[in-house]
């Protein structure tokens, strides 16, 4: 099952939100993002959170078919609680939307969730013009990811630990079993065709695909 989770950060365009909603089996909104969903023309089936930033009465009136699930655990942010709820409801593929912008700690939290949960869930962070994944491999099992691109798209790799082994093809500056240091060494590579492939043996990296905001991305 595919779940789209709309968070209460900077809202995406209505076009992206509606397109992604059609590609997912369930749409969820975290707390105050219920109002964002309404403004975007989405009808989430689940609204969840500690309900400290949503007008519950108004949201219930606007979304009469939605299930409102209170998740009061203050040890976790609403986005993580929504992700766990989606997983518990059977989701195996999760897209996070509206999870960037605004408070920097919320943006960093979204990246942290990619790093924490990508081994058990297929999870991607989307916004207009970009898609972000966390990818990891092990010493005895390489992980390979293919990204559909257009020539000129930006591909950035960001390492948060040096214990990685990276191969990258389909870009202007390819890598072959390279160790990517913590820092900016993997930022702003350029796709040269319609497919970029990343292979990682050991460690983990964050892969960012930046493309024309008017173009779609899987």
Foldseek 3Di string as FASTA:
>chain_A
DEEEEEEQAPAAALVVVVVVVVVGPFYEYEAQCLVVCVVSVHAGQEYEEQNPNHPVVVSCVSRVNHHYYYDNPPVDHRVVVVVVVCVVVPAQEYEYGNQDHDDPVSNVVVVVCLVPCVVRHRYWYDHQFKIKHKDFAEQVGKDKDKWFDAWFKWKFKAAPQQFKFKFKDQWPDTDHRDGDHHDGPRGGITGHHGMMMMIMYGGMIMMMIGGHSVDDTD
